[in-house]
């Protein structure tokens, strides 16, 4: 039984995607947000996906295109042209927009410590009912993730008791196990936490996935006891 879901976000080189796959990641993200520091040109993304499909023809790991407040027609075109499995919406897209996406969808939910818990419960339930996987990340003005800032774990734990989501924000190989023990999310997402000097670090990618899997397995075992 699979008890962990790990996403490595905003890879920019094929070796980073391949390292994530070898280490056992479930999702790898490619960033198509204009102006983002980790933005990936469409043609490069297409070549990377082709190389990845050749290395892993059986599939399994999902390749995710990351977008934010972009025209849905443009996003669907990129998803098709780059042969991506899923979309992640990291902006302020309403549910009606999400339902126009031509691939299974992850939707970022931006939270801060002052957020109303009832509102978040309702929002996550709405996304889940629509078949959309929520991703919980901190609210940071002018940013669409990858900031290294953290979600309030106490708030996230309250939500994890009732909802399935990816936990993002400030996770690293050093703290992901503790985050999993304290929050008990369905999965975890990382970008800056597996970088060195702004570049994905192959050793950190492997360490993050290993720590996450071990923590998820231990947490699952304790829940069964």
N, C-alpha and C. Protein backbone atom coordinates (compact mmCIF):
# COMPACT_ATOMS: atom_id res chain seq x y z
N UNK A 1 0.84 -1.20 0.00
CA UNK A 1 0.00 0.00 0.00
C UNK A 1 0.88 1.25 0.00
N UNK A 2 0.58 2.18 -0.89
CA UNK A 2 1.38 3.40 -0.97
C UNK A 2 0.94 4.36 0.13
N UNK A 3 1.89 4.83 0.92
CA UNK A 3 1.54 5.70 2.03
C UNK A 3 2.21 7.06 1.92
N UNK A 4 2.82 7.34 0.79
CA UNK A 4 3.49 8.63 0.64
C UNK A 4 3.31 9.17 -0.76
N UNK A 5 3.20 10.46 -0.86
CA UNK A 5 3.14 11.13 -2.16
C UNK A 5 4.07 12.33 -2.09
N UNK A 6 5.05 12.36 -2.98
CA UNK A 6 6.09 13.39 -2.95
C UNK A 6 6.17 14.07 -4.30
N UNK A 7 6.18 15.40 -4.27
CA UNK A 7 6.30 16.19 -5.50
C UNK A 7 7.55 17.05 -5.42
N UNK A 8 8.39 16.96 -6.45
CA UNK A 8 9.55 17.82 -6.60
C UNK A 8 9.17 18.89 -7.61
N UNK A 9 9.16 20.13 -7.18
CA UNK A 9 8.57 21.21 -7.97
C UNK A 9 9.64 22.03 -8.70
N UNK A 10 9.26 22.49 -9.90
CA UNK A 10 10.05 23.46 -10.66
C UNK A 10 11.46 22.98 -10.99
N UNK A 11 11.55 21.79 -11.59
CA UNK A 11 12.86 21.33 -12.07
C UNK A 11 13.18 22.05 -13.38
N UNK A 12 14.45 22.27 -13.63
CA UNK A 12 14.87 23.01 -14.82
C UNK A 12 15.82 22.24 -15.72
N UNK A 13 16.25 21.05 -15.27
CA UNK A 13 17.16 20.23 -16.07
C UNK A 13 16.67 18.78 -16.04
N UNK A 14 16.91 18.06 -17.12
CA UNK A 14 16.44 16.68 -17.22
C UNK A 14 17.05 15.82 -16.13
N UNK A 15 18.31 16.06 -15.75
CA UNK A 15 18.92 15.22 -14.73
C UNK A 15 18.21 15.35 -13.38
N UNK A 16 17.59 16.53 -13.13
CA UNK A 16 16.85 16.70 -11.89
C UNK A 16 15.57 15.87 -11.90
N UNK A 17 14.89 15.85 -13.04
CA UNK A 17 13.67 15.04 -13.16
C UNK A 17 14.00 13.55 -13.06
N UNK A 18 15.07 13.13 -13.70
CA UNK A 18 15.46 11.72 -13.65
C UNK A 18 15.89 11.32 -12.24
N UNK A 19 16.59 12.21 -11.54
CA UNK A 19 16.99 11.92 -10.16
C UNK A 19 15.78 11.76 -9.27
N UNK A 20 14.78 12.62 -9.47
CA UNK A 20 13.55 12.52 -8.68
C UNK A 20 12.85 11.19 -8.94
N UNK A 21 12.80 10.78 -10.20
CA UNK A 21 12.16 9.51 -10.55
C UNK A 21 12.91 8.34 -9.93
N UNK A 22 14.23 8.36 -10.03
CA UNK A 22 15.02 7.26 -9.46
C UNK A 22 14.83 7.15 -7.95
N UNK A 23 14.68 8.29 -7.30
CA UNK A 23 14.54 8.30 -5.84
C UNK A 23 13.12 7.95 -5.40
N UNK A 24 12.18 7.92 -6.34
CA UNK A 24 10.82 7.49 -5.99
C UNK A 24 9.80 8.59 -5.86
N UNK A 25 10.02 9.75 -6.48
CA UNK A 25 9.02 10.82 -6.44
C UNK A 25 7.76 10.38 -7.20
N UNK A 26 6.65 10.99 -6.85
CA UNK A 26 5.37 10.70 -7.51
C UNK A 26 5.01 11.76 -8.55
N UNK A 27 5.51 12.97 -8.34
CA UNK A 27 5.22 14.08 -9.24
C UNK A 27 6.49 14.91 -9.43
N UNK A 28 6.67 15.42 -10.65
CA UNK A 28 7.73 16.39 -10.93
C UNK A 28 7.09 17.56 -11.65
N UNK A 29 7.40 18.78 -11.20
CA UNK A 29 6.78 19.97 -11.76
C UNK A 29 7.70 20.78 -12.66
N UNK A 30 7.11 21.33 -13.75
CA UNK A 30 7.79 22.23 -14.67
C UNK A 30 7.07 23.57 -14.62
N UNK A 31 7.82 24.64 -14.39
CA UNK A 31 7.23 25.95 -14.13
C UNK A 31 7.08 26.77 -15.42
N UNK A 32 5.83 27.08 -15.76
CA UNK A 32 5.54 27.87 -16.96
C UNK A 32 5.00 29.27 -16.61
N UNK A 33 5.21 29.71 -15.37
CA UNK A 33 4.72 31.03 -14.95
C UNK A 33 5.65 32.10 -15.49
N UNK A 34 5.18 33.01 -16.34
CA UNK A 34 6.04 34.07 -16.90
C UNK A 34 6.67 34.91 -15.78
N UNK A 35 7.96 35.14 -15.90
CA UNK A 35 8.66 35.97 -14.92
C UNK A 35 9.11 35.25 -13.67
N UNK A 36 8.70 34.00 -13.49
CA UNK A 36 9.13 33.24 -12.32
C UNK A 36 10.62 32.91 -12.42
N UNK A 37 11.30 32.87 -11.28
CA UNK A 37 12.74 32.59 -11.29
C UNK A 37 13.04 31.22 -11.88
N UNK A 38 12.16 30.27 -11.66
CA UNK A 38 12.38 28.91 -12.15
C UNK A 38 11.60 28.64 -13.45
N UNK A 39 11.22 29.70 -14.14
CA UNK A 39 10.45 29.54 -15.39
C UNK A 39 11.21 28.67 -16.38
N UNK A 40 10.49 27.76 -17.04
CA UNK A 40 11.08 26.86 -18.02
C UNK A 40 10.51 27.18 -19.40
N UNK A 41 11.36 27.53 -20.36
CA UNK A 41 10.86 27.79 -21.72
C UNK A 41 10.14 26.55 -22.27
N UNK A 42 9.09 26.80 -23.02
CA UNK A 42 8.27 25.70 -23.51
C UNK A 42 9.07 24.69 -24.33
N UNK A 43 9.92 25.16 -25.22
CA UNK A 43 10.67 24.23 -26.07
C UNK A 43 11.61 23.35 -25.24
N UNK A 44 12.24 23.94 -24.23
CA UNK A 44 13.11 23.14 -23.36
C UNK A 44 12.29 22.12 -22.59
N UNK A 45 11.12 22.53 -22.11
CA UNK A 45 10.26 21.60 -21.39
C UNK A 45 9.86 20.44 -22.28
N UNK A 46 9.55 20.73 -23.54
CA UNK A 46 9.15 19.67 -24.47
C UNK A 46 10.29 18.65 -24.64
N UNK A 47 11.51 19.15 -24.79
CA UNK A 47 12.65 18.25 -24.95
C UNK A 47 12.88 17.42 -23.68
N UNK A 48 12.72 18.06 -22.53
CA UNK A 48 12.91 17.35 -21.27
C UNK A 48 11.88 16.24 -21.10
N UNK A 49 10.63 16.54 -21.43
CA UNK A 49 9.58 15.53 -21.30
C UNK A 49 9.84 14.36 -22.25
N UNK A 50 10.25 14.67 -23.48
CA UNK A 50 10.56 13.60 -24.43
C UNK A 50 11.66 12.70 -23.91
N UNK A 51 12.71 13.31 -23.36
CA UNK A 51 13.82 12.52 -22.81
C UNK A 51 13.36 11.70 -21.61
N UNK A 52 12.50 12.30 -20.80
CA UNK A 52 12.00 11.57 -19.63
C UNK A 52 11.14 10.39 -20.05
N UNK A 53 10.27 10.58 -21.03
CA UNK A 53 9.40 9.49 -21.50
C UNK A 53 10.23 8.34 -22.08
N UNK A 54 11.33 8.68 -22.72
CA UNK A 54 12.21 7.64 -23.26
C UNK A 54 12.87 6.83 -22.14
N UNK A 55 13.24 7.54 -21.07
CA UNK A 55 13.90 6.86 -19.94
C UNK A 55 12.90 6.06 -19.11
N UNK A 56 11.65 6.54 -19.03
CA UNK A 56 10.62 5.88 -18.22
C UNK A 56 9.36 5.69 -19.06
N UNK A 57 9.41 4.80 -20.05
CA UNK A 57 8.26 4.62 -20.94
C UNK A 57 7.02 4.05 -20.25
N UNK A 58 7.21 3.37 -19.12
CA UNK A 58 6.07 2.77 -18.43
C UNK A 58 5.25 3.79 -17.65
N UNK A 59 5.78 5.00 -17.51
CA UNK A 59 5.04 6.02 -16.77
C UNK A 59 5.14 5.80 -15.27
N UNK A 60 4.07 6.14 -14.56
CA UNK A 60 4.05 6.04 -13.10
C UNK A 60 4.16 7.42 -12.48
N UNK A 61 5.32 8.03 -12.59
CA UNK A 61 5.51 9.39 -12.10
C UNK A 61 4.75 10.37 -12.99
N UNK A 62 4.07 11.34 -12.38
CA UNK A 62 3.27 12.31 -13.12
C UNK A 62 4.08 13.59 -13.36
N UNK A 63 4.06 14.06 -14.61
CA UNK A 63 4.73 15.31 -14.97
C UNK A 63 3.69 16.42 -14.95
N UNK A 64 3.99 17.47 -14.19
CA UNK A 64 3.01 18.51 -13.87
C UNK A 64 3.46 19.85 -14.43
N UNK A 65 2.59 20.53 -15.16
CA UNK A 65 2.84 21.89 -15.60
C UNK A 65 2.31 22.88 -14.59
N UNK A 66 3.13 23.84 -14.19
CA UNK A 66 2.75 24.82 -13.17
C UNK A 66 2.43 26.14 -13.84
N UNK A 67 1.26 26.69 -13.51
CA UNK A 67 0.76 27.92 -14.12
C UNK A 67 0.19 28.82 -13.02
N UNK A 68 0.00 30.10 -13.35
CA UNK A 68 -0.59 31.03 -12.38
C UNK A 68 -1.30 32.15 -13.12
N UNK A 69 -2.63 32.17 -13.00
CA UNK A 69 -3.44 33.26 -13.55
C UNK A 69 -3.17 33.50 -15.04
N UNK A 70 -2.99 32.43 -15.78
CA UNK A 70 -2.74 32.51 -17.22
C UNK A 70 -4.00 32.11 -17.98
N UNK A 71 -4.17 32.56 -19.21
CA UNK A 71 -5.36 32.18 -19.98
C UNK A 71 -5.47 30.66 -20.09
N UNK A 72 -6.67 30.14 -19.85
CA UNK A 72 -6.84 28.69 -19.84
C UNK A 72 -6.52 28.08 -21.19
N UNK A 73 -6.78 28.81 -22.28
CA UNK A 73 -6.48 28.28 -23.61
C UNK A 73 -4.97 28.10 -23.78
N UNK A 74 -4.19 29.08 -23.30
CA UNK A 74 -2.73 28.98 -23.39
C UNK A 74 -2.22 27.80 -22.56
N UNK A 75 -2.77 27.66 -21.37
CA UNK A 75 -2.34 26.57 -20.50
C UNK A 75 -2.66 25.21 -21.12
N UNK A 76 -3.86 25.04 -21.62
CA UNK A 76 -4.22 23.76 -22.23
C UNK A 76 -3.36 23.45 -23.45
N UNK A 77 -2.99 24.49 -24.19
CA UNK A 77 -2.11 24.29 -25.35
C UNK A 77 -0.75 23.77 -24.90
N UNK A 78 -0.19 24.38 -23.86
CA UNK A 78 1.13 23.96 -23.35
C UNK A 78 1.06 22.54 -22.79
N UNK A 79 0.00 22.24 -22.06
CA UNK A 79 -0.16 20.89 -21.52
C UNK A 79 -0.13 19.84 -22.62
N UNK A 80 -0.83 20.13 -23.72
CA UNK A 80 -0.88 19.20 -24.85
C UNK A 80 0.46 19.16 -25.59
N UNK A 81 1.02 20.34 -25.88
CA UNK A 81 2.26 20.40 -26.66
C UNK A 81 3.42 19.74 -25.95
N UNK A 82 3.45 19.84 -24.63
CA UNK A 82 4.56 19.29 -23.85
C UNK A 82 4.27 17.89 -23.30
N UNK A 83 3.10 17.35 -23.62
CA UNK A 83 2.75 15.99 -23.21
C UNK A 83 2.82 15.83 -21.69
N UNK A 84 2.18 16.77 -20.97
CA UNK A 84 2.18 16.75 -19.51
C UNK A 84 0.96 16.00 -18.99
N UNK A 85 1.11 15.41 -17.80
CA UNK A 85 0.05 14.60 -17.22
C UNK A 85 -0.96 15.40 -16.41
N UNK A 86 -0.50 16.48 -15.79
CA UNK A 86 -1.34 17.24 -14.88
C UNK A 86 -1.00 18.72 -14.97
N UNK A 87 -1.91 19.54 -14.42
CA UNK A 87 -1.67 20.97 -14.28
C UNK A 87 -1.70 21.34 -12.80
N UNK A 88 -0.87 22.30 -12.42
CA UNK A 88 -0.94 22.90 -11.10
C UNK A 88 -1.24 24.37 -11.27
N UNK A 89 -2.28 24.83 -10.61
CA UNK A 89 -2.68 26.24 -10.68
C UNK A 89 -2.25 26.92 -9.39
N UNK A 90 -1.30 27.84 -9.51
CA UNK A 90 -0.68 28.45 -8.33
C UNK A 90 -1.12 29.89 -8.10
N UNK A 91 -2.06 30.37 -8.90
CA UNK A 91 -2.52 31.74 -8.75
C UNK A 91 -3.82 31.83 -7.96
N UNK A 92 -4.72 32.68 -8.45
CA UNK A 92 -5.99 32.92 -7.75
C UNK A 92 -7.16 32.48 -8.62
N UNK A 93 -6.99 31.37 -9.31
CA UNK A 93 -7.98 30.87 -10.25
C UNK A 93 -9.24 30.40 -9.52
N UNK A 94 -10.42 30.82 -9.98
CA UNK A 94 -11.67 30.34 -9.37
C UNK A 94 -11.96 28.90 -9.80
N UNK A 95 -12.92 28.29 -9.13
CA UNK A 95 -13.26 26.90 -9.43
C UNK A 95 -13.70 26.74 -10.87
N UNK A 96 -14.43 27.71 -11.41
CA UNK A 96 -14.90 27.62 -12.79
C UNK A 96 -13.72 27.51 -13.76
N UNK A 97 -12.66 28.24 -13.48
CA UNK A 97 -11.45 28.16 -14.30
C UNK A 97 -10.85 26.76 -14.20
N UNK A 98 -10.73 26.26 -12.97
CA UNK A 98 -10.13 24.94 -12.76
C UNK A 98 -10.86 23.86 -13.55
N UNK A 99 -12.15 24.00 -13.65
CA UNK A 99 -12.95 22.98 -14.34
C UNK A 99 -12.76 23.03 -15.85
N UNK A 100 -12.10 24.07 -16.36
CA UNK A 100 -11.82 24.16 -17.79
C UNK A 100 -10.45 23.62 -18.17
N UNK A 101 -9.71 23.11 -17.19
CA UNK A 101 -8.37 22.58 -17.45
C UNK A 101 -8.48 21.20 -18.07
N UNK A 102 -7.68 20.94 -19.08
CA UNK A 102 -7.78 19.69 -19.85
C UNK A 102 -7.00 18.53 -19.26
N UNK A 103 -6.51 18.68 -18.04
CA UNK A 103 -5.77 17.61 -17.37
C UNK A 103 -6.22 17.55 -15.91
N UNK A 104 -5.98 16.43 -15.22
CA UNK A 104 -6.18 16.41 -13.77
C UNK A 104 -5.39 17.56 -13.14
N UNK A 105 -5.95 18.11 -12.06
CA UNK A 105 -5.46 19.41 -11.59
C UNK A 105 -5.10 19.40 -10.11
N UNK A 106 -4.00 20.09 -9.81
CA UNK A 106 -3.61 20.46 -8.45
C UNK A 106 -3.88 21.95 -8.30
N UNK A 107 -4.50 22.36 -7.19
CA UNK A 107 -4.79 23.79 -6.99
C UNK A 107 -4.15 24.27 -5.70
N UNK A 108 -3.29 25.28 -5.82
CA UNK A 108 -2.66 25.87 -4.64
C UNK A 108 -3.69 26.63 -3.82
N UNK A 109 -3.65 26.42 -2.52
CA UNK A 109 -4.48 27.15 -1.56
C UNK A 109 -3.52 27.92 -0.66
N UNK A 110 -3.57 29.25 -0.76
CA UNK A 110 -2.62 30.09 -0.03
C UNK A 110 -3.20 30.43 1.34
N UNK A 111 -2.45 30.14 2.39
CA UNK A 111 -2.95 30.34 3.75
C UNK A 111 -1.94 31.12 4.58
N UNK A 112 -2.46 31.78 5.61
CA UNK A 112 -1.59 32.37 6.63
C UNK A 112 -2.19 32.05 7.99
N UNK A 113 -1.48 32.41 9.05
CA UNK A 113 -1.87 32.01 10.40
C UNK A 113 -3.19 32.63 10.83
N UNK A 114 -3.62 33.70 10.17
CA UNK A 114 -4.87 34.37 10.56
C UNK A 114 -6.06 33.85 9.77
N UNK A 115 -5.85 32.89 8.88
CA UNK A 115 -6.94 32.39 8.05
C UNK A 115 -8.04 31.75 8.90
N UNK A 116 -9.26 31.88 8.41
CA UNK A 116 -10.41 31.30 9.08
C UNK A 116 -10.47 29.80 8.76
N UNK A 117 -10.45 28.97 9.80
CA UNK A 117 -10.40 27.53 9.61
C UNK A 117 -11.64 27.01 8.88
N UNK A 118 -12.79 27.56 9.22
CA UNK A 118 -14.02 27.11 8.57
C UNK A 118 -13.99 27.41 7.07
N UNK A 119 -13.44 28.57 6.70
CA UNK A 119 -13.34 28.92 5.28
C UNK A 119 -12.43 27.94 4.55
N UNK A 120 -11.32 27.59 5.18
CA UNK A 120 -10.38 26.66 4.55
C UNK A 120 -10.98 25.26 4.42
N UNK A 121 -11.69 24.81 5.45
CA UNK A 121 -12.37 23.52 5.36
C UNK A 121 -13.33 23.51 4.18
N UNK A 122 -14.10 24.58 4.03
CA UNK A 122 -15.08 24.65 2.95
C UNK A 122 -14.40 24.68 1.59
N UNK A 123 -13.29 25.42 1.49
CA UNK A 123 -12.58 25.53 0.22
C UNK A 123 -11.97 24.19 -0.19
N UNK A 124 -11.33 23.51 0.76
CA UNK A 124 -10.73 22.21 0.45
C UNK A 124 -11.80 21.19 0.07
N UNK A 125 -12.92 21.22 0.77
CA UNK A 125 -14.01 20.30 0.44
C UNK A 125 -14.55 20.56 -0.96
N UNK A 126 -14.65 21.83 -1.33
CA UNK A 126 -15.14 22.19 -2.66
C UNK A 126 -14.19 21.67 -3.75
N UNK A 127 -12.90 21.84 -3.52
CA UNK A 127 -11.91 21.35 -4.49
C UNK A 127 -11.95 19.82 -4.59
N UNK A 128 -12.01 19.17 -3.44
CA UNK A 128 -12.03 17.71 -3.44
C UNK A 128 -13.26 17.17 -4.17
N UNK A 129 -14.40 17.80 -3.95
CA UNK A 129 -15.63 17.36 -4.60
C UNK A 129 -15.53 17.50 -6.12
N UNK A 130 -14.76 18.49 -6.56
CA UNK A 130 -14.57 18.71 -8.00
C UNK A 130 -13.46 17.83 -8.57
N UNK A 131 -12.86 16.97 -7.74
CA UNK A 131 -11.80 16.09 -8.21
C UNK A 131 -10.45 16.77 -8.35
N UNK A 132 -10.26 17.86 -7.63
CA UNK A 132 -9.03 18.65 -7.69
C UNK A 132 -8.22 18.42 -6.42
N UNK A 133 -6.92 18.19 -6.57
CA UNK A 133 -6.04 17.95 -5.43
C UNK A 133 -5.52 19.28 -4.88
N UNK A 134 -5.85 19.64 -3.63
CA UNK A 134 -5.33 20.88 -3.07
C UNK A 134 -3.85 20.77 -2.70
N UNK A 135 -3.17 21.90 -2.79
CA UNK A 135 -1.79 22.05 -2.33
C UNK A 135 -1.76 23.22 -1.37
N UNK A 136 -1.43 22.96 -0.12
CA UNK A 136 -1.44 24.00 0.91
C UNK A 136 -0.08 24.67 0.95
N UNK A 137 -0.04 25.99 0.73
CA UNK A 137 1.22 26.71 0.78
C UNK A 137 1.01 28.08 1.41
N UNK A 138 2.08 28.72 1.91
CA UNK A 138 1.92 30.00 2.61
C UNK A 138 1.56 31.14 1.65
N UNK A 139 0.78 32.07 2.18
CA UNK A 139 0.45 33.28 1.44
C UNK A 139 1.63 34.24 1.51
N UNK A 140 2.24 34.51 0.35
CA UNK A 140 3.37 35.44 0.28
C UNK A 140 3.07 36.42 -0.84
N UNK A 141 2.97 37.70 -0.50
CA UNK A 141 2.61 38.71 -1.49
C UNK A 141 3.59 38.71 -2.66
N UNK A 142 3.03 38.69 -3.88
CA UNK A 142 3.86 38.77 -5.08
C UNK A 142 4.57 37.49 -5.45
N UNK A 143 4.21 36.37 -4.81
CA UNK A 143 4.92 35.12 -5.07
C UNK A 143 3.93 34.00 -5.36
N UNK A 144 4.38 33.04 -6.16
CA UNK A 144 3.58 31.85 -6.46
C UNK A 144 4.28 30.59 -5.97
N UNK A 145 4.82 30.63 -4.76
CA UNK A 145 5.48 29.45 -4.20
C UNK A 145 6.98 29.49 -4.38
N UNK A 146 7.64 28.49 -3.76
CA UNK A 146 9.10 28.39 -3.84
C UNK A 146 9.83 29.45 -3.04
N UNK A 147 9.16 29.99 -2.01
CA UNK A 147 9.78 31.07 -1.23
C UNK A 147 10.59 30.56 -0.04
N UNK A 148 10.36 29.33 0.37
CA UNK A 148 11.02 28.81 1.56
C UNK A 148 10.29 29.13 2.84
N UNK A 149 9.21 29.91 2.77
CA UNK A 149 8.42 30.20 3.96
C UNK A 149 7.47 29.04 4.25
N UNK A 150 7.00 28.97 5.51
CA UNK A 150 6.28 27.79 5.96
C UNK A 150 4.81 28.08 6.24
N UNK A 151 4.00 27.06 6.03
CA UNK A 151 2.61 27.07 6.48
C UNK A 151 2.60 26.80 7.98
N UNK A 152 1.61 27.36 8.68
CA UNK A 152 1.43 27.05 10.09
C UNK A 152 1.06 25.57 10.22
N UNK A 153 1.93 24.78 10.83
CA UNK A 153 1.71 23.34 10.88
C UNK A 153 0.51 22.98 11.75
N UNK A 154 0.24 23.77 12.77
CA UNK A 154 -0.93 23.50 13.60
C UNK A 154 -2.22 23.64 12.80
N UNK A 155 -2.29 24.69 12.01
CA UNK A 155 -3.45 24.90 11.14
C UNK A 155 -3.54 23.78 10.11
N UNK A 156 -2.41 23.41 9.54
CA UNK A 156 -2.40 22.35 8.53
C UNK A 156 -2.84 21.01 9.13
N UNK A 157 -2.44 20.74 10.36
CA UNK A 157 -2.84 19.47 10.99
C UNK A 157 -4.35 19.42 11.18
N UNK A 158 -4.95 20.55 11.57
CA UNK A 158 -6.42 20.59 11.71
C UNK A 158 -7.08 20.22 10.39
N UNK A 159 -6.55 20.73 9.30
CA UNK A 159 -7.13 20.46 7.98
C UNK A 159 -6.86 19.03 7.53
N UNK A 160 -5.67 18.50 7.86
CA UNK A 160 -5.30 17.16 7.42
C UNK A 160 -6.16 16.08 8.06
N UNK A 161 -6.79 16.38 9.18
CA UNK A 161 -7.66 15.41 9.82
C UNK A 161 -8.89 15.11 8.97
N UNK A 162 -9.24 16.04 8.06
CA UNK A 162 -10.46 15.88 7.27
C UNK A 162 -10.23 15.90 5.77
N UNK A 163 -9.04 16.34 5.33
CA UNK A 163 -8.83 16.57 3.90
C UNK A 163 -7.51 15.97 3.42
N UNK A 164 -7.50 15.64 2.15
CA UNK A 164 -6.31 15.14 1.47
C UNK A 164 -5.66 16.31 0.73
N UNK A 165 -4.38 16.60 1.01
CA UNK A 165 -3.70 17.68 0.31
C UNK A 165 -2.19 17.46 0.34
N UNK A 166 -1.50 18.17 -0.57
CA UNK A 166 -0.05 18.25 -0.54
C UNK A 166 0.35 19.42 0.35
N UNK A 167 1.27 19.19 1.26
CA UNK A 167 1.80 20.25 2.12
C UNK A 167 3.05 20.83 1.49
N UNK A 168 3.08 22.15 1.32
CA UNK A 168 4.23 22.83 0.72
C UNK A 168 4.63 24.00 1.61
N UNK A 169 5.85 24.49 1.39
CA UNK A 169 6.29 25.69 2.09
C UNK A 169 7.36 25.42 3.12
N UNK A 170 8.61 25.75 2.79
CA UNK A 170 9.69 25.67 3.76
C UNK A 170 10.15 24.28 4.12
N UNK A 171 9.74 23.27 3.36
CA UNK A 171 10.16 21.91 3.67
C UNK A 171 11.57 21.65 3.14
N UNK A 172 12.33 20.86 3.88
CA UNK A 172 13.71 20.52 3.53
C UNK A 172 13.96 19.05 3.91
N UNK A 173 15.09 18.48 3.48
CA UNK A 173 15.40 17.13 3.95
C UNK A 173 15.51 17.03 5.47
N UNK A 174 15.85 18.15 6.11
CA UNK A 174 16.05 18.15 7.56
C UNK A 174 14.74 18.23 8.34
N UNK A 175 13.69 18.82 7.77
CA UNK A 175 12.46 18.99 8.56
C UNK A 175 11.24 18.25 8.01
N UNK A 176 11.37 17.60 6.85
CA UNK A 176 10.18 16.99 6.25
C UNK A 176 9.63 15.86 7.11
N UNK A 177 10.48 15.09 7.76
CA UNK A 177 9.98 14.00 8.60
C UNK A 177 9.16 14.56 9.76
N UNK A 178 9.64 15.64 10.37
CA UNK A 178 8.89 16.24 11.48
C UNK A 178 7.57 16.82 10.99
N UNK A 179 7.59 17.43 9.81
CA UNK A 179 6.35 17.96 9.25
C UNK A 179 5.32 16.86 9.04
N UNK A 180 5.77 15.73 8.54
CA UNK A 180 4.85 14.61 8.31
C UNK A 180 4.31 14.06 9.62
N UNK A 181 5.17 13.95 10.63
CA UNK A 181 4.71 13.46 11.93
C UNK A 181 3.70 14.40 12.56
N UNK A 182 3.93 15.71 12.44
CA UNK A 182 3.07 16.68 13.11
C UNK A 182 1.80 16.99 12.34
N UNK A 183 1.89 17.05 11.02
CA UNK A 183 0.73 17.45 10.20
C UNK A 183 -0.04 16.24 9.68
N UNK A 184 0.66 15.19 9.30
CA UNK A 184 0.09 13.99 8.69
C UNK A 184 -0.66 14.31 7.40
N UNK A 185 0.01 14.97 6.47
CA UNK A 185 -0.63 15.29 5.19
C UNK A 185 -0.66 14.07 4.27
N UNK A 186 -1.45 14.17 3.20
CA UNK A 186 -1.49 13.12 2.18
C UNK A 186 -0.18 13.06 1.40
N UNK A 187 0.45 14.22 1.24
CA UNK A 187 1.70 14.28 0.51
C UNK A 187 2.44 15.57 0.80
N UNK A 188 3.66 15.68 0.26
CA UNK A 188 4.49 16.86 0.48
C UNK A 188 5.06 17.35 -0.85
N UNK A 189 5.35 18.63 -0.89
CA UNK A 189 5.85 19.29 -2.10
C UNK A 189 7.06 20.14 -1.71
N UNK A 190 8.09 20.12 -2.56
CA UNK A 190 9.30 20.89 -2.25
C UNK A 190 9.88 21.50 -3.51
N UNK A 191 10.46 22.69 -3.36
CA UNK A 191 11.22 23.30 -4.45
C UNK A 191 12.53 23.85 -3.90
N UNK A 192 12.47 25.01 -3.23
CA UNK A 192 13.71 25.63 -2.75
C UNK A 192 14.42 24.78 -1.71
N UNK A 193 13.69 23.93 -1.00
CA UNK A 193 14.29 23.10 0.04
C UNK A 193 15.22 22.02 -0.47
N UNK A 194 15.21 21.77 -1.79
CA UNK A 194 16.17 20.80 -2.36
C UNK A 194 17.09 21.50 -3.36
N UNK A 195 17.38 22.76 -3.08
CA UNK A 195 18.29 23.53 -3.93
C UNK A 195 19.53 23.94 -3.16
N UNK A 196 20.61 24.14 -3.88
CA UNK A 196 21.84 24.74 -3.37
C UNK A 196 22.19 25.90 -4.28
N UNK A 197 22.26 27.09 -3.71
CA UNK A 197 22.52 28.30 -4.50
C UNK A 197 21.53 28.46 -5.66
N UNK A 198 20.26 28.13 -5.38
CA UNK A 198 19.21 28.34 -6.37
C UNK A 198 19.09 27.29 -7.44
N UNK A 199 19.86 26.20 -7.33
CA UNK A 199 19.83 25.12 -8.33
C UNK A 199 19.49 23.82 -7.63
N UNK A 200 18.63 23.01 -8.27
CA UNK A 200 18.26 21.73 -7.69
C UNK A 200 19.52 20.90 -7.42
N UNK A 201 19.55 20.29 -6.23
CA UNK A 201 20.70 19.53 -5.75
C UNK A 201 20.30 18.05 -5.75
N UNK A 202 21.00 17.22 -6.52
CA UNK A 202 20.62 15.82 -6.66
C UNK A 202 20.65 15.08 -5.33
N UNK A 203 21.63 15.37 -4.50
CA UNK A 203 21.70 14.70 -3.20
C UNK A 203 20.55 15.11 -2.30
N UNK A 204 20.19 16.39 -2.33
CA UNK A 204 19.08 16.86 -1.50
C UNK A 204 17.75 16.29 -1.99
N UNK A 205 17.59 16.15 -3.30
CA UNK A 205 16.37 15.53 -3.83
C UNK A 205 16.24 14.12 -3.28
N UNK A 206 17.31 13.35 -3.36
CA UNK A 206 17.28 11.98 -2.86
C UNK A 206 17.03 11.91 -1.37
N UNK A 207 17.69 12.79 -0.61
CA UNK A 207 17.54 12.80 0.84
C UNK A 207 16.12 13.19 1.24
N UNK A 208 15.54 14.16 0.55
CA UNK A 208 14.18 14.60 0.87
C UNK A 208 13.19 13.46 0.67
N UNK A 209 13.28 12.80 -0.47
CA UNK A 209 12.34 11.72 -0.77
C UNK A 209 12.52 10.57 0.21
N UNK A 210 13.75 10.24 0.53
CA UNK A 210 14.02 9.16 1.48
C UNK A 210 13.45 9.48 2.86
N UNK A 211 13.70 10.69 3.35
CA UNK A 211 13.19 11.09 4.66
C UNK A 211 11.66 11.11 4.67
N UNK A 212 11.07 11.59 3.58
CA UNK A 212 9.61 11.64 3.51
C UNK A 212 9.01 10.24 3.52
N UNK A 213 9.56 9.35 2.74
CA UNK A 213 9.03 7.99 2.67
C UNK A 213 9.15 7.28 4.02
N UNK A 214 10.28 7.42 4.67
CA UNK A 214 10.47 6.78 5.97
C UNK A 214 9.48 7.32 7.00
N UNK A 215 9.28 8.63 6.99
CA UNK A 215 8.36 9.24 7.96
C UNK A 215 6.92 8.84 7.68
N UNK A 216 6.52 8.84 6.41
CA UNK A 216 5.17 8.41 6.07
C UNK A 216 4.93 6.96 6.49
N UNK A 217 5.90 6.09 6.22
CA UNK A 217 5.75 4.68 6.56
C UNK A 217 5.61 4.49 8.06
N UNK A 218 6.43 5.20 8.84
CA UNK A 218 6.38 5.08 10.29
C UNK A 218 5.06 5.61 10.83
N UNK A 219 4.61 6.75 10.30
CA UNK A 219 3.34 7.32 10.74
C UNK A 219 2.19 6.38 10.42
N UNK A 220 2.20 5.79 9.22
CA UNK A 220 1.15 4.86 8.82
C UNK A 220 1.15 3.63 9.71
N UNK A 221 2.34 3.14 10.06
CA UNK A 221 2.44 1.96 10.92
C UNK A 221 1.86 2.24 12.30
N UNK A 222 2.16 3.42 12.85
CA UNK A 222 1.66 3.77 14.18
C UNK A 222 0.15 3.93 14.17
N UNK A 223 -0.40 4.43 13.06
CA UNK A 223 -1.85 4.59 12.98
C UNK A 223 -2.56 3.24 12.97
N UNK A 224 -1.88 2.20 12.47
CA UNK A 224 -2.48 0.87 12.40
C UNK A 224 -2.40 0.14 13.74
N UNK A 225 -1.48 0.57 14.61
CA UNK A 225 -1.28 -0.14 15.89
C UNK A 225 -2.40 0.17 16.88
